[in-house]
Amino acid sequence: MLVFSENLTRKGGRDTPNISQEKKKSAKPLRRELELYRENGVSLYLNGAPSTPKKIAKACQIAENGVYMRDYTEDEDGHIACVSFDLIRKE
């Protein structure tokens, strides 16, 4: 019986890192950061539309045709009021 770690998959007769598990782990810190922003009243946008930490983290995780760029908008007191994520397409 073969037993695999949750972080390894069997490919071509050898153990290789499970990419989906690695991507999920890399999305967690971003999601937590965005949840903190939202808890502090900061608006979150994805490609110009209001969004959630979960949707933004997932979009950043699966973007294949480009990368997401952050744009911070401040209020009149210099505090972050809005964080926008816009897809920048690769050419």
PDB file of N, CA and C in Angstrom:
ATOM      1  N   MET A   1       0.844  -1.176   0.000  1.00  0.00           N
ATOM      2  CA  MET A   1       0.000   0.000   0.000  1.00  0.00           C
ATOM      3  C   MET A   1       0.891   1.243   0.000  1.00  0.00           C
ATOM      4  N   LEU A   2       0.598   2.186  -0.878  1.00  0.00           N
ATOM      5  CA  LEU A   2       1.358   3.427  -0.951  1.00  0.00           C
ATOM      6  C   LEU A   2       0.695   4.486  -0.091  1.00  0.00           C
ATOM      7  N   VAL A   3       1.495   5.170   0.692  1.00  0.00           N
ATOM      8  CA  VAL A   3       0.988   6.257   1.523  1.00  0.00           C
ATOM      9  C   VAL A   3       1.741   7.518   1.130  1.00  0.00           C
ATOM     10  N   PHE A   4       0.996   8.571   0.847  1.00  0.00           N
ATOM     11  CA  PHE A   4       1.601   9.828   0.421  1.00  0.00           C
ATOM     12  C   PHE A   4       1.307  10.918   1.429  1.00  0.00           C
ATOM     13  N   SER A   5       2.228  11.785   1.562  1.00  0.00           N
ATOM     14  CA  SER A   5       2.003  12.985   2.361  1.00  0.00           C
ATOM     15  C   SER A   5       1.004  13.850   1.617  1.00  0.00           C
ATOM     16  N   GLU A   6       0.268  14.702   2.324  1.00  0.00           N
ATOM     17  CA  GLU A   6      -0.694  15.581   1.654  1.00  0.00           C
ATOM     18  C   GLU A   6       0.006  16.599   0.764  1.00  0.00           C
ATOM     19  N   ASN A   7       1.299  16.772   0.929  1.00  0.00           N
ATOM     20  CA  ASN A   7       2.030  17.739   0.119  1.00  0.00           C
ATOM     21  C   ASN A   7       2.780  17.109  -1.052  1.00  0.00           C
ATOM     22  N   LEU A   8       2.613  15.795  -1.245  1.00  0.00           N
ATOM     23  CA  LEU A   8       3.291  15.124  -2.346  1.00  0.00           C
ATOM     24  C   LEU A   8       2.275  14.369  -3.192  1.00  0.00           C
ATOM     25  N   THR A   9       2.539  14.282  -4.465  1.00  0.00           N
ATOM     26  CA  THR A   9       1.740  13.455  -5.356  1.00  0.00           C
ATOM     27  C   THR A   9       2.681  12.529  -6.093  1.00  0.00           C
ATOM     28  N   ARG A  10       2.141  11.474  -6.647  1.00  0.00           N
ATOM     29  CA  ARG A  10       2.944  10.494  -7.370  1.00  0.00           C
ATOM     30  C   ARG A  10       2.852  10.826  -8.852  1.00  0.00           C
ATOM     31  N   LYS A  11       3.993  11.043  -9.486  1.00  0.00           N
ATOM     32  CA  LYS A  11       4.003  11.402 -10.900  1.00  0.00           C
ATOM     33  C   LYS A  11       5.201  10.741 -11.564  1.00  0.00           C
ATOM     34  N   GLY A  12       4.934   9.916 -12.571  1.00  0.00           N
ATOM     35  CA  GLY A  12       6.022   9.277 -13.299  1.00  0.00           C
ATOM     36  C   GLY A  12       6.900   8.400 -12.430  1.00  0.00           C
ATOM     37  N   GLY A  13       6.320   7.756 -11.416  1.00  0.00           N
ATOM     38  CA  GLY A  13       7.079   6.872 -10.554  1.00  0.00           C
ATOM     39  C   GLY A  13       7.867   7.564  -9.462  1.00  0.00           C
ATOM     40  N   ARG A  14       7.650   8.866  -9.281  1.00  0.00           N
ATOM     41  CA  ARG A  14       8.379   9.578  -8.212  1.00  0.00           C
ATOM     42  C   ARG A  14       7.439  10.566  -7.515  1.00  0.00           C
ATOM     43  N   ASP A  15       7.794  10.901  -6.291  1.00  0.00           N
ATOM     44  CA  ASP A  15       7.007  11.866  -5.530  1.00  0.00           C
ATOM     45  C   ASP A  15       7.370  13.277  -5.975  1.00  0.00           C
ATOM     46  N   THR A  16       6.357  14.093  -6.208  1.00  0.00           N
ATOM     47  CA  THR A  16       6.581  15.490  -6.584  1.00  0.00           C
ATOM     48  C   THR A  16       5.696  16.371  -5.716  1.00  0.00           C
ATOM     49  N   PRO A  17       6.079  17.619  -5.515  1.00  0.00           N
ATOM     50  CA  PRO A  17       5.244  18.515  -4.716  1.00  0.00           C
ATOM     51  C   PRO A  17       3.865  18.677  -5.343  1.00  0.00           C
ATOM     52  N   ASN A  18       2.850  18.727  -4.501  1.00  0.00           N
ATOM     53  CA  ASN A  18       1.484  18.951  -4.950  1.00  0.00           C
ATOM     54  C   ASN A  18       1.305  20.450  -5.154  1.00  0.00           C
ATOM     55  N   ILE A  19       1.256  20.895  -6.396  1.00  0.00           N
ATOM     56  CA  ILE A  19       1.202  22.319  -6.718  1.00  0.00           C
ATOM     57  C   ILE A  19      -0.039  22.973  -6.131  1.00  0.00           C
ATOM     58  N   SER A  20      -1.180  22.287  -6.199  1.00  0.00           N
ATOM     59  CA  SER A  20      -2.399  22.908  -5.689  1.00  0.00           C
ATOM     60  C   SER A  20      -2.298  23.170  -4.188  1.00  0.00           C
ATOM     61  N   GLN A  21      -1.673  22.270  -3.439  1.00  0.00           N
ATOM     62  CA  GLN A  21      -1.499  22.492  -2.003  1.00  0.00           C
ATOM     63  C   GLN A  21      -0.578  23.679  -1.757  1.00  0.00           C
ATOM     64  N   GLU A  22       0.478  23.798  -2.551  1.00  0.00           N
ATOM     65  CA  GLU A  22       1.405  24.920  -2.393  1.00  0.00           C
ATOM     66  C   GLU A  22       0.716  26.236  -2.722  1.00  0.00           C
ATOM     67  N   LYS A  23      -0.098  26.257  -3.772  1.00  0.00           N
ATOM     68  CA  LYS A  23      -0.807  27.483  -4.145  1.00  0.00           C
ATOM     69  C   LYS A  23      -1.800  27.881  -3.061  1.00  0.00           C
ATOM     70  N   LYS A  24      -2.507  26.898  -2.492  1.00  0.00           N
ATOM     71  CA  LYS A  24      -3.463  27.198  -1.426  1.00  0.00           C
ATOM     72  C   LYS A  24      -2.750  27.831  -0.237  1.00  0.00           C
ATOM     73  N   LYS A  25      -1.592  27.282   0.119  1.00  0.00           N
ATOM     74  CA  LYS A  25      -0.836  27.832   1.244  1.00  0.00           C
ATOM     75  C   LYS A  25      -0.363  29.246   0.954  1.00  0.00           C
ATOM     76  N   SER A  26       0.021  29.510  -0.302  1.00  0.00           N
ATOM     77  CA  SER A  26       0.506  30.852  -0.642  1.00  0.00           C
ATOM     78  C   SER A  26      -0.623  31.872  -0.650  1.00  0.00           C
ATOM     79  N   ALA A  27      -1.862  31.440  -0.854  1.00  0.00           N
ATOM     80  CA  ALA A  27      -3.001  32.359  -0.883  1.00  0.00           C
ATOM     81  C   ALA A  27      -3.471  32.728   0.523  1.00  0.00           C
ATOM     82  N   LYS A  28      -3.178  31.897   1.515  1.00  0.00           N
ATOM     83  CA  LYS A  28      -3.671  32.147   2.873  1.00  0.00           C
ATOM     84  C   LYS A  28      -3.171  33.461   3.473  1.00  0.00           C
ATOM     85  N   PRO A  29      -1.882  33.777   3.387  1.00  0.00           N
ATOM     86  CA  PRO A  29      -1.435  35.056   3.972  1.00  0.00           C
ATOM     87  C   PRO A  29      -2.106  36.266   3.314  1.00  0.00           C
ATOM     88  N   LEU A  30      -2.301  36.215   2.000  1.00  0.00           N
ATOM     89  CA  LEU A  30      -2.973  37.315   1.304  1.00  0.00           C
ATOM     90  C   LEU A  30      -4.410  37.440   1.788  1.00  0.00           C
ATOM     91  N   ARG A  31      -5.092  36.324   1.892  1.00  0.00           N
ATOM     92  CA  ARG A  31      -6.493  36.355   2.349  1.00  0.00           C
ATOM     93  C   ARG A  31      -6.586  36.928   3.765  1.00  0.00           C
ATOM     94  N   ARG A  32      -5.687  36.513   4.646  1.00  0.00           N
ATOM     95  CA  ARG A  32      -5.693  37.041   6.022  1.00  0.00           C
ATOM     96  C   ARG A  32      -5.434  38.542   6.036  1.00  0.00           C
ATOM     97  N   GLU A  33      -4.481  38.983   5.225  1.00  0.00           N
ATOM     98  CA  GLU A  33      -4.176  40.414   5.138  1.00  0.00           C
ATOM     99  C   GLU A  33      -5.405  41.197   4.675  1.00  0.00           C
ATOM    100  N   LEU A  34      -6.080  40.685   3.656  1.00  0.00           N
ATOM    101  CA  LEU A  34      -7.257  41.377   3.129  1.00  0.00           C
ATOM    102  C   LEU A  34      -8.422  41.354   4.115  1.00  0.00           C
ATOM    103  N   GLU A  35      -8.546  40.281   4.875  1.00  0.00           N
ATOM    104  CA  GLU A  35      -9.587  40.220   5.906  1.00  0.00           C
ATOM    105  C   GLU A  35      -9.350  41.288   6.966  1.00  0.00           C
ATOM    106  N   LEU A  36      -8.085  41.516   7.316  1.00  0.00           N
ATOM    107  CA  LEU A  36      -7.763  42.575   8.286  1.00  0.00           C
ATOM    108  C   LEU A  36      -8.107  43.953   7.730  1.00  0.00           C
ATOM    109  N   TYR A  37      -7.780  44.181   6.457  1.00  0.00           N
ATOM    110  CA  TYR A  37      -8.161  45.451   5.833  1.00  0.00           C
ATOM    111  C   TYR A  37      -9.674  45.645   5.910  1.00  0.00           C
ATOM    112  N   ARG A  38     -10.413  44.618   5.526  1.00  0.00           N
ATOM    113  CA  ARG A  38     -11.881  44.728   5.510  1.00  0.00           C
ATOM    114  C   ARG A  38     -12.430  44.979   6.915  1.00  0.00           C
ATOM    115  N   GLU A  39     -11.873  44.294   7.917  1.00  0.00           N
ATOM    116  CA  GLU A  39     -12.308  44.500   9.302  1.00  0.00           C
ATOM    117  C   GLU A  39     -12.069  45.931   9.761  1.00  0.00           C
ATOM    118  N   ASN A  40     -11.080  46.591   9.153  1.00  0.00           N
ATOM    119  CA  ASN A  40     -10.766  47.975   9.506  1.00  0.00           C
ATOM    120  C   ASN A  40     -11.433  48.984   8.579  1.00  0.00           C
ATOM    121  N   GLY A  41     -12.424  48.539   7.819  1.00  0.00           N
ATOM    122  CA  GLY A  41     -13.215  49.448   7.004  1.00  0.00           C
ATOM    123  C   GLY A  41     -12.636  49.804   5.653  1.00  0.00           C
ATOM    124  N   VAL A  42     -11.615  49.078   5.211  1.00  0.00           N
ATOM    125  CA  VAL A  42     -11.004  49.349   3.907  1.00  0.00           C
ATOM    126  C   VAL A  42     -11.807  48.618   2.831  1.00  0.00           C
ATOM    127  N   SER A  43     -12.173  49.329   1.778  1.00  0.00           N
ATOM    128  CA  SER A  43     -12.906  48.736   0.658  1.00  0.00           C
ATOM    129  C   SER A  43     -11.955  47.927  -0.210  1.00  0.00           C
ATOM    130  N   LEU A  44     -12.440  46.794  -0.712  1.00  0.00           N
ATOM    131  CA  LEU A  44     -11.637  45.917  -1.562  1.00  0.00           C
ATOM    132  C   LEU A  44     -12.294  45.793  -2.932  1.00  0.00           C
ATOM    133  N   TYR A  45     -11.472  45.917  -3.983  1.00  0.00           N
ATOM    134  CA  TYR A  45     -11.978  45.833  -5.349  1.00  0.00           C
ATOM    135  C   TYR A  45     -11.132  44.871  -6.167  1.00  0.00           C
ATOM    136  N   LEU A  46     -11.793  44.161  -7.071  1.00  0.00           N
ATOM    137  CA  LEU A  46     -11.133  43.259  -8.007  1.00  0.00           C
ATOM    138  C   LEU A  46     -11.574  43.650  -9.409  1.00  0.00           C
ATOM    139  N   ASN A  47     -10.639  44.121 -10.210  1.00  0.00           N
ATOM    140  CA  ASN A  47     -10.933  44.573 -11.573  1.00  0.00           C
ATOM    141  C   ASN A  47     -12.069  45.591 -11.612  1.00  0.00           C
ATOM    142  N   GLY A  48     -12.063  46.520 -10.663  1.00  0.00           N
ATOM    143  CA  GLY A  48     -13.022  47.616 -10.651  1.00  0.00           C
ATOM    144  C   GLY A  48     -14.342  47.346  -9.964  1.00  0.00           C
ATOM    145  N   ALA A  49     -14.572  46.131  -9.487  1.00  0.00           N
ATOM    146  CA  ALA A  49     -15.832  45.789  -8.825  1.00  0.00           C
ATOM    147  C   ALA A  49     -15.570  45.434  -7.362  1.00  0.00           C
ATOM    148  N   PRO A  50     -16.499  45.780  -6.459  1.00  0.00           N
ATOM    149  CA  PRO A  50     -16.333  45.392  -5.050  1.00  0.00           C
ATOM    150  C   PRO A  50     -16.149  43.876  -4.946  1.00  0.00           C
ATOM    151  N   SER A  51     -15.279  43.455  -4.031  1.00  0.00           N
ATOM    152  CA  SER A  51     -14.983  42.033  -3.922  1.00  0.00           C
ATOM    153  C   SER A  51     -14.708  41.640  -2.480  1.00  0.00           C
ATOM    154  N   THR A  52     -14.402  40.363  -2.289  1.00  0.00           N
ATOM    155  CA  THR A  52     -14.126  39.806  -0.965  1.00  0.00           C
ATOM    156  C   THR A  52     -12.682  39.313  -0.903  1.00  0.00           C
ATOM    157  N   PRO A  53     -12.136  39.161   0.309  1.00  0.00           N
ATOM    158  CA  PRO A  53     -10.782  38.615   0.431  1.00  0.00           C
ATOM    159  C   PRO A  53     -10.635  37.247  -0.242  1.00  0.00           C
ATOM    160  N   LYS A  54     -11.639  36.401  -0.104  1.00  0.00           N
ATOM    161  CA  LYS A  54     -11.584  35.061  -0.690  1.00  0.00           C
ATOM    162  C   LYS A  54     -11.500  35.124  -2.214  1.00  0.00           C
ATOM    163  N   LYS A  55     -12.349  35.938  -2.837  1.00  0.00           N
ATOM    164  CA  LYS A  55     -12.351  36.036  -4.302  1.00  0.00           C
ATOM    165  C   LYS A  55     -11.050  36.635  -4.826  1.00  0.00           C
ATOM    166  N   ILE A  56     -10.532  37.643  -4.128  1.00  0.00           N
ATOM    167  CA  ILE A  56      -9.286  38.279  -4.567  1.00  0.00           C
ATOM    168  C   ILE A  56      -8.117  37.305  -4.450  1.00  0.00           C
ATOM    169  N   ALA A  57      -8.019  36.609  -3.317  1.00  0.00           N
ATOM    170  CA  ALA A  57      -6.923  35.648  -3.119  1.00  0.00           C
ATOM    171  C   ALA A  57      -6.974  34.549  -4.176  1.00  0.00           C
ATOM    172  N   LYS A  58      -8.175  34.066  -4.476  1.00  0.00           N
ATOM    173  CA  LYS A  58      -8.310  33.014  -5.489  1.00  0.00           C
ATOM    174  C   LYS A  58      -7.915  33.535  -6.866  1.00  0.00           C
ATOM    175  N   ALA A  59      -8.345  34.750  -7.215  1.00  0.00           N
ATOM    176  CA  ALA A  59      -7.995  35.325  -8.520  1.00  0.00           C
ATOM    177  C   ALA A  59      -6.482  35.468  -8.653  1.00  0.00           C
ATOM    178  N   CYS A  60      -5.827  35.924  -7.600  1.00  0.00           N
ATOM    179  CA  CYS A  60      -4.365  36.077  -7.635  1.00  0.00           C
ATOM    180  C   CYS A  60      -3.678  34.721  -7.763  1.00  0.00           C
ATOM    181  N   GLN A  61      -4.263  33.718  -7.146  1.00  0.00           N
ATOM    182  CA  GLN A  61      -3.700  32.372  -7.138  1.00  0.00           C
ATOM    183  C   GLN A  61      -3.788  31.713  -8.511  1.00  0.00           C
ATOM    184  N   ILE A  62      -4.876  31.927  -9.248  1.00  0.00           N
ATOM    185  CA  ILE A  62      -5.075  31.208 -10.505  1.00  0.00           C
ATOM    186  C   ILE A  62      -4.784  32.041 -11.752  1.00  0.00           C
ATOM    187  N   ALA A  63      -4.356  33.276 -11.592  1.00  0.00           N
ATOM    188  CA  ALA A  63      -4.077  34.136 -12.752  1.00  0.00           C
ATOM    189  C   ALA A  63      -3.008  33.493 -13.631  1.00  0.00           C
ATOM    190  N   GLU A  64      -3.369  33.189 -14.862  1.00  0.00           N
ATOM    191  CA  GLU A  64      -2.423  32.556 -15.784  1.00  0.00           C
ATOM    192  C   GLU A  64      -1.976  33.500 -16.888  1.00  0.00           C
ATOM    193  N   ASN A  65      -2.826  34.429 -17.267  1.00  0.00           N
ATOM    194  CA  ASN A  65      -2.516  35.317 -18.390  1.00  0.00           C
ATOM    195  C   ASN A  65      -1.955  36.655 -17.940  1.00  0.00           C
ATOM    196  N   GLY A  66      -1.544  36.732 -16.693  1.00  0.00           N
ATOM    197  CA  GLY A  66      -1.007  37.975 -16.179  1.00  0.00           C
ATOM    198  C   GLY A  66      -0.846  37.912 -14.676  1.00  0.00           C
ATOM    199  N   VAL A  67      -0.676  39.073 -14.080  1.00  0.00           N
ATOM    200  CA  VAL A  67      -0.548  39.183 -12.627  1.00  0.00           C
ATOM    201  C   VAL A  67      -1.457  40.306 -12.144  1.00  0.00           C
ATOM    202  N   TYR A  68      -1.801  40.265 -10.868  1.00  0.00           N
ATOM    203  CA  TYR A  68      -2.628  41.322 -10.295  1.00  0.00           C
ATOM    204  C   TYR A  68      -1.749  42.376  -9.641  1.00  0.00           C
ATOM    205  N   MET A  69      -2.034  43.623  -9.947  1.00  0.00           N
ATOM    206  CA  MET A  69      -1.317  44.757  -9.375  1.00  0.00           C
ATOM    207  C   MET A  69      -2.215  45.405  -8.326  1.00  0.00           C
ATOM    208  N   ARG A  70      -1.619  45.704  -7.177  1.00  0.00           N
ATOM    209  CA  ARG A  70      -2.354  46.398  -6.116  1.00  0.00           C
ATOM    210  C   ARG A  70      -2.283  47.896  -6.328  1.00  0.00           C
ATOM    211  N   ASP A  71      -3.371  48.555  -5.974  1.00  0.00           N
ATOM    212  CA  ASP A  71      -3.408  50.011  -6.014  1.00  0.00           C
ATOM    213  C   ASP A  71      -4.064  50.473  -4.718  1.00  0.00           C
ATOM    214  N   TYR A  72      -3.320  51.238  -3.932  1.00  0.00           N
ATOM    215  CA  TYR A  72      -3.833  51.736  -2.658  1.00  0.00           C
ATOM    216  C   TYR A  72      -4.358  53.158  -2.834  1.00  0.00           C
ATOM    217  N   THR A  73      -5.541  53.420  -2.292  1.00  0.00           N
ATOM    218  CA  THR A  73      -6.114  54.764  -2.300  1.00  0.00           C
ATOM    219  C   THR A  73      -6.235  55.217  -0.855  1.00  0.00           C
ATOM    220  N   GLU A  74      -5.767  56.428  -0.572  1.00  0.00           N
ATOM    221  CA  GLU A  74      -5.812  56.964   0.794  1.00  0.00           C
ATOM    222  C   GLU A  74      -6.975  57.927   0.960  1.00  0.00           C
ATOM    223  N   ASP A  75      -7.410  58.080   2.216  1.00  0.00           N
ATOM    224  CA  ASP A  75      -8.405  59.107   2.518  1.00  0.00           C
ATOM    225  C   ASP A  75      -7.679  60.423   2.785  1.00  0.00           C
ATOM    226  N   GLU A  76      -8.425  61.455   3.136  1.00  0.00           N
ATOM    227  CA  GLU A  76      -7.820  62.781   3.334  1.00  0.00           C
ATOM    228  C   GLU A  76      -6.847  62.833   4.511  1.00  0.00           C
ATOM    229  N   ASP A  77      -6.924  61.844   5.414  1.00  0.00           N
ATOM    230  CA  ASP A  77      -6.010  61.801   6.559  1.00  0.00           C
ATOM    231  C   ASP A  77      -4.770  60.943   6.293  1.00  0.00           C
ATOM    232  N   GLY A  78      -4.672  60.387   5.103  1.00  0.00           N
ATOM    233  CA  GLY A  78      -3.514  59.571   4.758  1.00  0.00           C
ATOM    234  C   GLY A  78      -3.643  58.103   5.123  1.00  0.00           C
ATOM    235  N   HIS A  79      -4.835  57.664   5.543  1.00  0.00           N
ATOM    236  CA  HIS A  79      -5.068  56.255   5.873  1.00  0.00           C
ATOM    237  C   HIS A  79      -5.551  55.515   4.627  1.00  0.00           C
ATOM    238  N   ILE A  80      -5.257  54.232   4.556  1.00  0.00           N
ATOM    239  CA  ILE A  80      -5.711  53.434   3.417  1.00  0.00           C
ATOM    240  C   ILE A  80      -7.231  53.332   3.467  1.00  0.00           C
ATOM    241  N   ALA A  81      -7.880  53.737   2.375  1.00  0.00           N
ATOM    242  CA  ALA A  81      -9.336  53.694   2.290  1.00  0.00           C
ATOM    243  C   ALA A  81      -9.803  52.590   1.343  1.00  0.00           C
ATOM    244  N   CYS A  82      -8.949  52.238   0.383  1.00  0.00           N
ATOM    245  CA  CYS A  82      -9.352  51.283  -0.647  1.00  0.00           C
ATOM    246  C   CYS A  82      -8.118  50.560  -1.183  1.00  0.00           C
ATOM    247  N   VAL A  83      -8.279  49.266  -1.434  1.00  0.00           N
ATOM    248  CA  VAL A  83      -7.229  48.490  -2.097  1.00  0.00           C
ATOM    249  C   VAL A  83      -7.873  47.842  -3.320  1.00  0.00           C
ATOM    250  N   SER A  84      -7.323  48.148  -4.486  1.00  0.00           N
ATOM    251  CA  SER A  84      -7.839  47.599  -5.744  1.00  0.00           C
ATOM    252  C   SER A  84      -6.822  46.631  -6.333  1.00  0.00           C
ATOM    253  N   PHE A  85      -7.309  45.546  -6.879  1.00  0.00           N
ATOM    254  CA  PHE A  85      -6.475  44.568  -7.572  1.00  0.00           C
ATOM    255  C   PHE A  85      -6.906  44.549  -9.028  1.00  0.00           C
ATOM    256  N   ASP A  86      -5.987  44.897  -9.922  1.00  0.00           N
ATOM    257  CA  ASP A  86      -6.284  44.942 -11.349  1.00  0.00           C
ATOM    258  C   ASP A  86      -5.365  43.988 -12.100  1.00  0.00           C
ATOM    259  N   LEU A  87      -5.960  43.207 -13.011  1.00  0.00           N
ATOM    260  CA  LEU A  87      -5.190  42.247 -13.794  1.00  0.00           C
ATOM    261  C   LEU A  87      -4.354  42.973 -14.835  1.00  0.00           C
ATOM    262  N   ILE A  88      -3.068  42.693 -14.822  1.00  0.00           N
ATOM    263  CA  ILE A  88      -2.141  43.207 -15.826  1.00  0.00           C
ATOM    264  C   ILE A  88      -1.795  42.017 -16.714  1.00  0.00           C
ATOM    265  N   ARG A  89      -2.251  42.056 -17.943  1.00  0.00           N
ATOM    266  CA  ARG A  89      -2.076  40.921 -18.863  1.00  0.00           C
ATOM    267  C   ARG A  89      -0.662  40.855 -19.434  1.00  0.00           C
ATOM    268  N   LYS A  90      -0.171  39.623 -19.557  1.00  0.00           N
ATOM    269  CA  LYS A  90       1.122  39.386 -20.204  1.00  0.00           C
ATOM    270  C   LYS A  90       0.912  39.458 -21.706  1.00  0.00           C
ATOM    271  N   GLU A  91       1.886  39.991 -22.398  1.00  0.00           N
ATOM    272  CA  GLU A  91       1.774  40.064 -23.868  1.00  0.00           C
ATOM    273  C   GLU A  91       2.592  39.005 -24.533  1.00  0.00           C
TER     274      GLU A  91
END
